Amino acid sequence: LVQAGGSLRLSCAASGMIFRDNTMGWYRQGPG
């Protein structure tokens, strides 16, 4: 939870694959 104007840093740790070979992405799904 953050106030408007603030910052957050998300991380995604991957395992079980050759990470460096793959394109990665972030998606989001808001309410409704």
Full PDB file with SEQRES, HELIX, SHEET, SSBOND, CRYST1, ORIGX, SCALE, CONECT and MASTER records, all heavy atoms in Angstrom:
SEQRES   1 A   32  LEU VAL GLN ALA GLY GLY SER LEU ARG LEU SER CYS ALA          
SEQRES   2 A   32  ALA SER GLY MET ILE PHE ARG ASP ASN THR MET GLY TRP          
SEQRES   3 A   32  TYR ARG GLN GLY PRO GLY                                      
HELIX    1 AA1 PHE A   19  ASP A   21  5                                   3    
CRYST1    1.000    1.000    1.000  90.00  90.00  90.00 P 1           1          
ORIGX1      1.000000  0.000000  0.000000        0.00000                         
ORIGX2      0.000000  1.000000  0.000000        0.00000                         
ORIGX3      0.000000  0.000000  1.000000        0.00000                         
SCALE1      1.000000  0.000000  0.000000        0.00000                         
SCALE2      0.000000  1.000000  0.000000        0.00000                         
SCALE3      0.000000  0.000000  1.000000        0.00000                         
ATOM      1  N   LEU A   1       0.845  -1.185   0.000  1.00  0.00           N  
ATOM      2  CA  LEU A   1       0.000   0.000   0.000  1.00  0.00           C  
ATOM      3  C   LEU A   1       0.886   1.241   0.000  1.00  0.00           C  
ATOM      4  O   LEU A   1       1.814   1.355   0.813  1.00  0.00           O  
ATOM      5  CB  LEU A   1      -0.897  -0.013   1.242  1.00  0.00           C  
ATOM      6  CG  LEU A   1      -1.752   1.223   1.494  1.00  0.00           C  
ATOM      7  CD1 LEU A   1      -2.772   1.412   0.382  1.00  0.00           C  
ATOM      8  CD2 LEU A   1      -2.440   1.118   2.853  1.00  0.00           C  
ATOM      9  N   VAL A   2       0.589   2.158  -0.902  1.00  0.00           N  
ATOM     10  CA  VAL A   2       1.390   3.376  -1.017  1.00  0.00           C  
ATOM     11  C   VAL A   2       0.468   4.533  -1.342  1.00  0.00           C  
ATOM     12  O   VAL A   2      -0.583   4.341  -1.983  1.00  0.00           O  
ATOM     13  CB  VAL A   2       2.487   3.207  -2.089  1.00  0.00           C  
ATOM     14  CG1 VAL A   2       1.898   3.003  -3.466  1.00  0.00           C  
ATOM     15  CG2 VAL A   2       3.476   4.356  -2.067  1.00  0.00           C  
ATOM     16  N   GLN A   3       0.845   5.724  -0.918  1.00  0.00           N  
ATOM     17  CA  GLN A   3       0.064   6.905  -1.264  1.00  0.00           C  
ATOM     18  C   GLN A   3       0.361   7.351  -2.684  1.00  0.00           C  
ATOM     19  O   GLN A   3       1.439   7.079  -3.223  1.00  0.00           O  
ATOM     20  CB  GLN A   3       0.376   8.040  -0.298  1.00  0.00           C  
ATOM     21  CG  GLN A   3      -0.176   7.825   1.107  1.00  0.00           C  
ATOM     22  CD  GLN A   3      -0.011   9.051   1.973  1.00  0.00           C  
ATOM     23  OE1 GLN A   3       0.893   9.861   1.780  1.00  0.00           O  
ATOM     24  NE2 GLN A   3      -0.889   9.197   2.952  1.00  0.00           N  
ATOM     25  N   ALA A   4      -0.582   8.031  -3.271  1.00  0.00           N  
ATOM     26  CA  ALA A   4      -0.392   8.587  -4.607  1.00  0.00           C  
ATOM     27  C   ALA A   4       0.865   9.450  -4.631  1.00  0.00           C  
ATOM     28  O   ALA A   4       1.121  10.214  -3.699  1.00  0.00           O  
ATOM     29  CB  ALA A   4      -1.599   9.397  -5.018  1.00  0.00           C  
ATOM     30  N   GLY A   5       1.631   9.299  -5.698  1.00  0.00           N  
ATOM     31  CA  GLY A   5       2.895  10.006  -5.817  1.00  0.00           C  
ATOM     32  C   GLY A   5       4.086   9.221  -5.295  1.00  0.00           C  
ATOM     33  O   GLY A   5       5.237   9.608  -5.538  1.00  0.00           O  
ATOM     34  N   GLY A   6       3.819   8.132  -4.615  1.00  0.00           N  
ATOM     35  CA  GLY A   6       4.877   7.313  -4.046  1.00  0.00           C  
ATOM     36  C   GLY A   6       5.472   6.328  -5.037  1.00  0.00           C  
ATOM     37  O   GLY A   6       5.121   6.332  -6.227  1.00  0.00           O  
ATOM     38  N   SER A   7       6.361   5.493  -4.529  1.00  0.00           N  
ATOM     39  CA  SER A   7       7.087   4.533  -5.363  1.00  0.00           C  
ATOM     40  C   SER A   7       7.071   3.146  -4.732  1.00  0.00           C  
ATOM     41  O   SER A   7       6.985   3.012  -3.506  1.00  0.00           O  
ATOM     42  CB  SER A   7       8.545   4.965  -5.542  1.00  0.00           C  
ATOM     43  OG  SER A   7       8.642   6.212  -6.183  1.00  0.00           O  
ATOM     44  N   LEU A   8       7.139   2.157  -5.600  1.00  0.00           N  
ATOM     45  CA  LEU A   8       7.330   0.769  -5.197  1.00  0.00           C  
ATOM     46  C   LEU A   8       8.241   0.100  -6.205  1.00  0.00           C  
ATOM     47  O   LEU A   8       8.262   0.485  -7.380  1.00  0.00           O  
ATOM     48  CB  LEU A   8       6.000   0.012  -5.137  1.00  0.00           C  
ATOM     49  CG  LEU A   8       5.075   0.240  -3.948  1.00  0.00           C  
ATOM     50  CD1 LEU A   8       3.752  -0.499  -4.182  1.00  0.00           C  
ATOM     51  CD2 LEU A   8       5.704  -0.204  -2.656  1.00  0.00           C  
ATOM     52  N   ARG A   9       8.929  -0.940  -5.751  1.00  0.00           N  
ATOM     53  CA  ARG A   9       9.755  -1.746  -6.643  1.00  0.00           C  
ATOM     54  C   ARG A   9       9.323  -3.194  -6.523  1.00  0.00           C  
ATOM     55  O   ARG A   9       9.434  -3.791  -5.463  1.00  0.00           O  
ATOM     56  CB  ARG A   9      11.226  -1.629  -6.302  1.00  0.00           C  
ATOM     57  CG  ARG A   9      12.152  -2.304  -7.293  1.00  0.00           C  
ATOM     58  CD  ARG A   9      13.523  -2.460  -6.690  1.00  0.00           C  
ATOM     59  NE  ARG A   9      14.557  -2.752  -7.678  1.00  0.00           N  
ATOM     60  CZ  ARG A   9      15.704  -3.346  -7.375  1.00  0.00           C  
ATOM     61  NH1 ARG A   9      15.976  -3.684  -6.124  1.00  0.00           N  
ATOM     62  NH2 ARG A   9      16.608  -3.571  -8.313  1.00  0.00           N  
ATOM     63  N   LEU A  10       8.834  -3.737  -7.627  1.00  0.00           N  
ATOM     64  CA  LEU A  10       8.444  -5.138  -7.663  1.00  0.00           C  
ATOM     65  C   LEU A  10       9.610  -5.990  -8.161  1.00  0.00           C  
ATOM     66  O   LEU A  10      10.386  -5.549  -9.009  1.00  0.00           O  
ATOM     67  CB  LEU A  10       7.248  -5.344  -8.581  1.00  0.00           C  
ATOM     68  CG  LEU A  10       6.009  -4.502  -8.302  1.00  0.00           C  
ATOM     69  CD1 LEU A  10       4.883  -4.893  -9.271  1.00  0.00           C  
ATOM     70  CD2 LEU A  10       5.564  -4.620  -6.867  1.00  0.00           C  
ATOM     71  N   SER A  11       9.695  -7.185  -7.628  1.00  0.00           N  
ATOM     72  CA  SER A  11      10.700  -8.151  -8.062  1.00  0.00           C  
ATOM     73  C   SER A  11      10.017  -9.446  -8.474  1.00  0.00           C  
ATOM     74  O   SER A  11       8.972  -9.801  -7.919  1.00  0.00           O  
ATOM     75  CB  SER A  11      11.695  -8.446  -6.941  1.00  0.00           C  
ATOM     76  OG  SER A  11      12.379  -7.290  -6.525  1.00  0.00           O  
ATOM     77  N   CYS A  12      10.620 -10.132  -9.419  1.00  0.00           N  
ATOM     78  CA  CYS A  12      10.128 -11.444  -9.841  1.00  0.00           C  
ATOM     79  C   CYS A  12      11.334 -12.360  -9.982  1.00  0.00           C  
ATOM     80  O   CYS A  12      12.143 -12.173 -10.895  1.00  0.00           O  
ATOM     81  CB  CYS A  12       9.373 -11.343 -11.149  1.00  0.00           C  
ATOM     82  SG  CYS A  12       8.924 -12.949 -11.863  1.00  0.00           S  
ATOM     83  N   ALA A  13      11.427 -13.315  -9.080  1.00  0.00           N  
ATOM     84  CA  ALA A  13      12.527 -14.270  -9.102  1.00  0.00           C  
ATOM     85  C   ALA A  13      12.111 -15.520  -9.865  1.00  0.00           C  
ATOM     86  O   ALA A  13      11.071 -16.122  -9.569  1.00  0.00           O  
ATOM     87  CB  ALA A  13      12.922 -14.633  -7.676  1.00  0.00           C  
ATOM     88  N   ALA A  14      12.902 -15.892 -10.851  1.00  0.00           N  
ATOM     89  CA  ALA A  14      12.588 -17.031 -11.714  1.00  0.00           C  
ATOM     90  C   ALA A  14      13.500 -18.210 -11.422  1.00  0.00           C  
ATOM     91  O   ALA A  14      14.666 -18.027 -11.059  1.00  0.00           O  
ATOM     92  CB  ALA A  14      12.727 -16.627 -13.178  1.00  0.00           C  
ATOM     93  N   SER A  15      12.953 -19.393 -11.589  1.00  0.00           N  
ATOM     94  CA  SER A  15      13.737 -20.611 -11.439  1.00  0.00           C  
ATOM     95  C   SER A  15      13.207 -21.667 -12.394  1.00  0.00           C  
ATOM     96  O   SER A  15      12.085 -21.563 -12.894  1.00  0.00           O  
ATOM     97  CB  SER A  15      13.671 -21.125 -10.000  1.00  0.00           C  
ATOM     98  OG  SER A  15      12.339 -21.442  -9.636  1.00  0.00           O  
ATOM     99  N   GLY A  16      14.046 -22.650 -12.667  1.00  0.00           N  
ATOM    100  CA  GLY A  16      13.623 -23.765 -13.500  1.00  0.00           C  
ATOM    101  C   GLY A  16      13.736 -23.526 -14.988  1.00  0.00           C  
ATOM    102  O   GLY A  16      13.162 -24.269 -15.788  1.00  0.00           O  
ATOM    103  N   MET A  17      14.461 -22.483 -15.396  1.00  0.00           N  
ATOM    104  CA  MET A  17      14.622 -22.209 -16.822  1.00  0.00           C  
ATOM    105  C   MET A  17      15.909 -21.414 -17.022  1.00  0.00           C  
ATOM    106  O   MET A  17      16.523 -20.953 -16.070  1.00  0.00           O  
ATOM    107  CB  MET A  17      13.446 -21.381 -17.330  1.00  0.00           C  
ATOM    108  CG  MET A  17      13.346 -20.025 -16.664  1.00  0.00           C  
ATOM    109  SD  MET A  17      12.064 -18.996 -17.354  1.00  0.00           S  
ATOM    110  CE  MET A  17      12.194 -17.559 -16.335  1.00  0.00           C  
ATOM    111  N   ILE A  18      16.283 -21.258 -18.301  1.00  0.00           N  
ATOM    112  CA  ILE A  18      17.436 -20.429 -18.621  1.00  0.00           C  
ATOM    113  C   ILE A  18      16.933 -18.993 -18.738  1.00  0.00           C  
ATOM    114  O   ILE A  18      16.505 -18.552 -19.815  1.00  0.00           O  
ATOM    115  CB  ILE A  18      18.125 -20.894 -19.906  1.00  0.00           C  
ATOM    116  CG1 ILE A  18      18.512 -22.372 -19.774  1.00  0.00           C  
ATOM    117  CG2 ILE A  18      19.353 -20.039 -20.179  1.00  0.00           C  
ATOM    118  CD1 ILE A  18      19.090 -22.963 -21.042  1.00  0.00           C  
ATOM    119  N   PHE A  19      16.951 -18.296 -17.631  1.00  0.00           N  
ATOM    120  CA  PHE A  19      16.323 -16.987 -17.515  1.00  0.00           C  
ATOM    121  C   PHE A  19      16.834 -16.025 -18.578  1.00  0.00           C  
ATOM    122  O   PHE A  19      16.032 -15.316 -19.201  1.00  0.00           O  
ATOM    123  CB  PHE A  19      16.592 -16.434 -16.119  1.00  0.00           C  
ATOM    124  CG  PHE A  19      16.070 -15.052 -15.874  1.00  0.00           C  
ATOM    125  CD1 PHE A  19      14.736 -14.836 -15.584  1.00  0.00           C  
ATOM    126  CD2 PHE A  19      16.905 -13.946 -15.951  1.00  0.00           C  
ATOM    127  CE1 PHE A  19      14.243 -13.557 -15.357  1.00  0.00           C  
ATOM    128  CE2 PHE A  19      16.437 -12.672 -15.721  1.00  0.00           C  
ATOM    129  CZ  PHE A  19      15.103 -12.474 -15.428  1.00  0.00           C  
ATOM    130  N   ARG A  20      18.124 -15.996 -18.800  1.00  0.00           N  
ATOM    131  CA  ARG A  20      18.719 -14.957 -19.659  1.00  0.00           C  
ATOM    132  C   ARG A  20      18.250 -15.061 -21.121  1.00  0.00           C  
ATOM    133  O   ARG A  20      18.375 -14.107 -21.873  1.00  0.00           O  
ATOM    134  CB  ARG A  20      20.236 -15.039 -19.608  1.00  0.00           C  
ATOM    135  CG  ARG A  20      20.821 -16.314 -20.182  1.00  0.00           C  
ATOM    136  CD  ARG A  20      22.329 -16.328 -20.123  1.00  0.00           C  
ATOM    137  NE  ARG A  20      22.890 -17.542 -20.694  1.00  0.00           N  
ATOM    138  CZ  ARG A  20      23.082 -18.655 -20.019  1.00  0.00           C  
ATOM    139  NH1 ARG A  20      22.770 -18.703 -18.736  1.00  0.00           N  
ATOM    140  NH2 ARG A  20      23.597 -19.715 -20.608  1.00  0.00           N  
ATOM    141  N   ASP A  21      17.719 -16.199 -21.512  1.00  0.00           N  
ATOM    142  CA  ASP A  21      17.316 -16.408 -22.904  1.00  0.00           C  
ATOM    143  C   ASP A  21      15.900 -15.927 -23.204  1.00  0.00           C  
ATOM    144  O   ASP A  21      15.484 -15.923 -24.364  1.00  0.00           O  
ATOM    145  CB  ASP A  21      17.404 -17.892 -23.257  1.00  0.00           C  
ATOM    146  CG  ASP A  21      18.827 -18.398 -23.345  1.00  0.00           C  
ATOM    147  OD1 ASP A  21      19.751 -17.570 -23.374  1.00  0.00           O  
ATOM    148  OD2 ASP A  21      19.006 -19.625 -23.375  1.00  0.00           O  
ATOM    149  N   ASN A  22      15.151 -15.569 -22.176  1.00  0.00           N  
ATOM    150  CA  ASN A  22      13.729 -15.316 -22.351  1.00  0.00           C  
ATOM    151  C   ASN A  22      13.325 -13.864 -22.138  1.00  0.00           C  
ATOM    152  O   ASN A  22      13.816 -13.192 -21.232  1.00  0.00           O  
ATOM    153  CB  ASN A  22      12.931 -16.179 -21.375  1.00  0.00           C  
ATOM    154  CG  ASN A  22      13.056 -17.640 -21.687  1.00  0.00           C  
ATOM    155  OD1 ASN A  22      12.639 -18.100 -22.747  1.00  0.00           O  
ATOM    156  ND2 ASN A  22      13.655 -18.386 -20.773  1.00  0.00           N  
ATOM    157  N   THR A  23      12.404 -13.407 -22.980  1.00  0.00           N  
ATOM    158  CA  THR A  23      11.729 -12.139 -22.743  1.00  0.00           C  
ATOM    159  C   THR A  23      10.839 -12.284 -21.509  1.00  0.00           C  
ATOM    160  O   THR A  23      10.175 -13.312 -21.322  1.00  0.00           O  
ATOM    161  CB  THR A  23      10.876 -11.733 -23.945  1.00  0.00           C  
ATOM    162  OG1 THR A  23      11.741 -11.484 -25.056  1.00  0.00           O  
ATOM    163  CG2 THR A  23      10.054 -10.492 -23.663  1.00  0.00           C  
ATOM    164  N   MET A  24      10.860 -11.256 -20.674  1.00  0.00           N  
ATOM    165  CA  MET A  24      10.037 -11.235 -19.459  1.00  0.00           C  
ATOM    166  C   MET A  24       9.109 -10.035 -19.498  1.00  0.00           C  
ATOM    167  O   MET A  24       9.403  -9.018 -20.136  1.00  0.00           O  
ATOM    168  CB  MET A  24      10.926 -11.149 -18.223  1.00  0.00           C  
ATOM    169  CG  MET A  24      11.910 -12.304 -18.064  1.00  0.00           C  
ATOM    170  SD  MET A  24      11.084 -13.877 -17.773  1.00  0.00           S  
ATOM    171  CE  MET A  24      10.290 -13.556 -16.196  1.00  0.00           C  
ATOM    172  N   GLY A  25       7.986 -10.172 -18.816  1.00  0.00           N  
ATOM    173  CA  GLY A  25       7.035  -9.070 -18.808  1.00  0.00           C  
ATOM    174  C   GLY A  25       6.322  -8.924 -17.484  1.00  0.00           C  
ATOM    175  O   GLY A  25       6.339  -9.830 -16.649  1.00  0.00           O  
ATOM    176  N   TRP A  26       5.745  -7.743 -17.309  1.00  0.00           N  
ATOM    177  CA  TRP A  26       4.859  -7.464 -16.182  1.00  0.00           C  
ATOM    178  C   TRP A  26       3.481  -7.120 -16.742  1.00  0.00           C  
ATOM    179  O   TRP A  26       3.369  -6.331 -17.689  1.00  0.00           O  
ATOM    180  CB  TRP A  26       5.365  -6.302 -15.343  1.00  0.00           C  
ATOM    181  CG  TRP A  26       6.541  -6.615 -14.488  1.00  0.00           C  
ATOM    182  CD1 TRP A  26       7.851  -6.387 -14.767  1.00  0.00           C  
ATOM    183  CD2 TRP A  26       6.518  -7.216 -13.191  1.00  0.00           C  
ATOM    184  NE1 TRP A  26       8.637  -6.813 -13.735  1.00  0.00           N  
ATOM    185  CE2 TRP A  26       7.842  -7.327 -12.746  1.00  0.00           C  
ATOM    186  CE3 TRP A  26       5.499  -7.688 -12.366  1.00  0.00           C  
ATOM    187  CZ2 TRP A  26       8.195  -7.877 -11.502  1.00  0.00           C  
ATOM    188  CZ3 TRP A  26       5.826  -8.236 -11.133  1.00  0.00           C  
ATOM    189  CH2 TRP A  26       7.159  -8.330 -10.711  1.00  0.00           C  
ATOM    190  N   TYR A  27       2.470  -7.724 -16.164  1.00  0.00           N  
ATOM    191  CA  TYR A  27       1.078  -7.433 -16.483  1.00  0.00           C  
ATOM    192  C   TYR A  27       0.378  -7.001 -15.191  1.00  0.00           C  
ATOM    193  O   TYR A  27       0.890  -7.225 -14.095  1.00  0.00           O  
ATOM    194  CB  TYR A  27       0.377  -8.686 -17.032  1.00  0.00           C  
ATOM    195  CG  TYR A  27       0.785  -9.064 -18.434  1.00  0.00           C  
ATOM    196  CD1 TYR A  27       2.028  -9.614 -18.705  1.00  0.00           C  
ATOM    197  CD2 TYR A  27      -0.101  -8.877 -19.500  1.00  0.00           C  
ATOM    198  CE1 TYR A  27       2.393  -9.971 -20.003  1.00  0.00           C  
ATOM    199  CE2 TYR A  27       0.249  -9.225 -20.794  1.00  0.00           C  
ATOM    200  CZ  TYR A  27       1.493  -9.776 -21.039  1.00  0.00           C  
ATOM    201  OH  TYR A  27       1.843 -10.124 -22.320  1.00  0.00           O  
ATOM    202  N   ARG A  28      -0.801  -6.432 -15.347  1.00  0.00           N  
ATOM    203  CA  ARG A  28      -1.584  -6.095 -14.172  1.00  0.00           C  
ATOM    204  C   ARG A  28      -3.071  -6.271 -14.453  1.00  0.00           C  
ATOM    205  O   ARG A  28      -3.508  -6.189 -15.596  1.00  0.00           O  
ATOM    206  CB  ARG A  28      -1.317  -4.666 -13.703  1.00  0.00           C  
ATOM    207  CG  ARG A  28      -1.779  -3.591 -14.659  1.00  0.00           C  
ATOM    208  CD  ARG A  28      -1.348  -2.212 -14.148  1.00  0.00           C  
ATOM    209  NE  ARG A  28      -1.803  -1.137 -15.024  1.00  0.00           N  
ATOM    210  CZ  ARG A  28      -1.447   0.139 -14.878  1.00  0.00           C  
ATOM    211  NH1 ARG A  28      -0.638   0.503 -13.881  1.00  0.00           N  
ATOM    212  NH2 ARG A  28      -1.913   1.059 -15.709  1.00  0.00           N  
ATOM    213  N   GLN A  29      -3.813  -6.502 -13.388  1.00  0.00           N  
ATOM    214  CA  GLN A  29      -5.261  -6.636 -13.497  1.00  0.00           C  
ATOM    215  C   GLN A  29      -5.891  -5.850 -12.360  1.00  0.00           C  
ATOM    216  O   GLN A  29      -5.770  -6.233 -11.193  1.00  0.00           O  
ATOM    217  CB  GLN A  29      -5.683  -8.104 -13.443  1.00  0.00           C  
ATOM    218  CG  GLN A  29      -7.165  -8.296 -13.727  1.00  0.00           C  
ATOM    219  CD  GLN A  29      -7.516  -9.749 -14.022  1.00  0.00           C  
ATOM    220  OE1 GLN A  29      -6.722 -10.664 -13.795  1.00  0.00           O  
ATOM    221  NE2 GLN A  29      -8.700  -9.963 -14.554  1.00  0.00           N  
ATOM    222  N   GLY A  30      -6.534  -4.750 -12.734  1.00  0.00           N  
ATOM    223  CA  GLY A  30      -7.217  -3.921 -11.758  1.00  0.00           C  
ATOM    224  C   GLY A  30      -8.602  -4.454 -11.447  1.00  0.00           C  
ATOM    225  O   GLY A  30      -9.120  -5.323 -12.165  1.00  0.00           O  
ATOM    226  N   PRO A  31      -9.225  -3.921 -10.410  1.00  0.00           N  
ATOM    227  CA  PRO A  31     -10.572  -4.377 -10.015  1.00  0.00           C  
ATOM    228  C   PRO A  31     -11.570  -4.218 -11.158  1.00  0.00           C  
ATOM    229  O   PRO A  31     -11.723  -3.120 -11.704  1.00  0.00           O  
ATOM    230  CB  PRO A  31     -10.919  -3.458  -8.842  1.00  0.00           C  
ATOM    231  CG  PRO A  31      -9.616  -2.950  -8.347  1.00  0.00           C  
ATOM    232  CD  PRO A  31      -8.716  -2.874  -9.532  1.00  0.00           C  
ATOM    233  N   GLY A  32     -12.201  -5.300 -11.539  1.00  0.00           N  
ATOM    234  CA  GLY A  32     -13.194  -5.261 -12.598  1.00  0.00           C  
ATOM    235  C   GLY A  32     -12.643  -5.046 -13.986  1.00  0.00           C  
ATOM    236  O   GLY A  32     -13.401  -4.740 -14.912  1.00  0.00           O  
TER     237      GLY A  32                                                      
MASTER        0    0    0    1    0    0    0    6  236    1    0    3          
END                                                                             
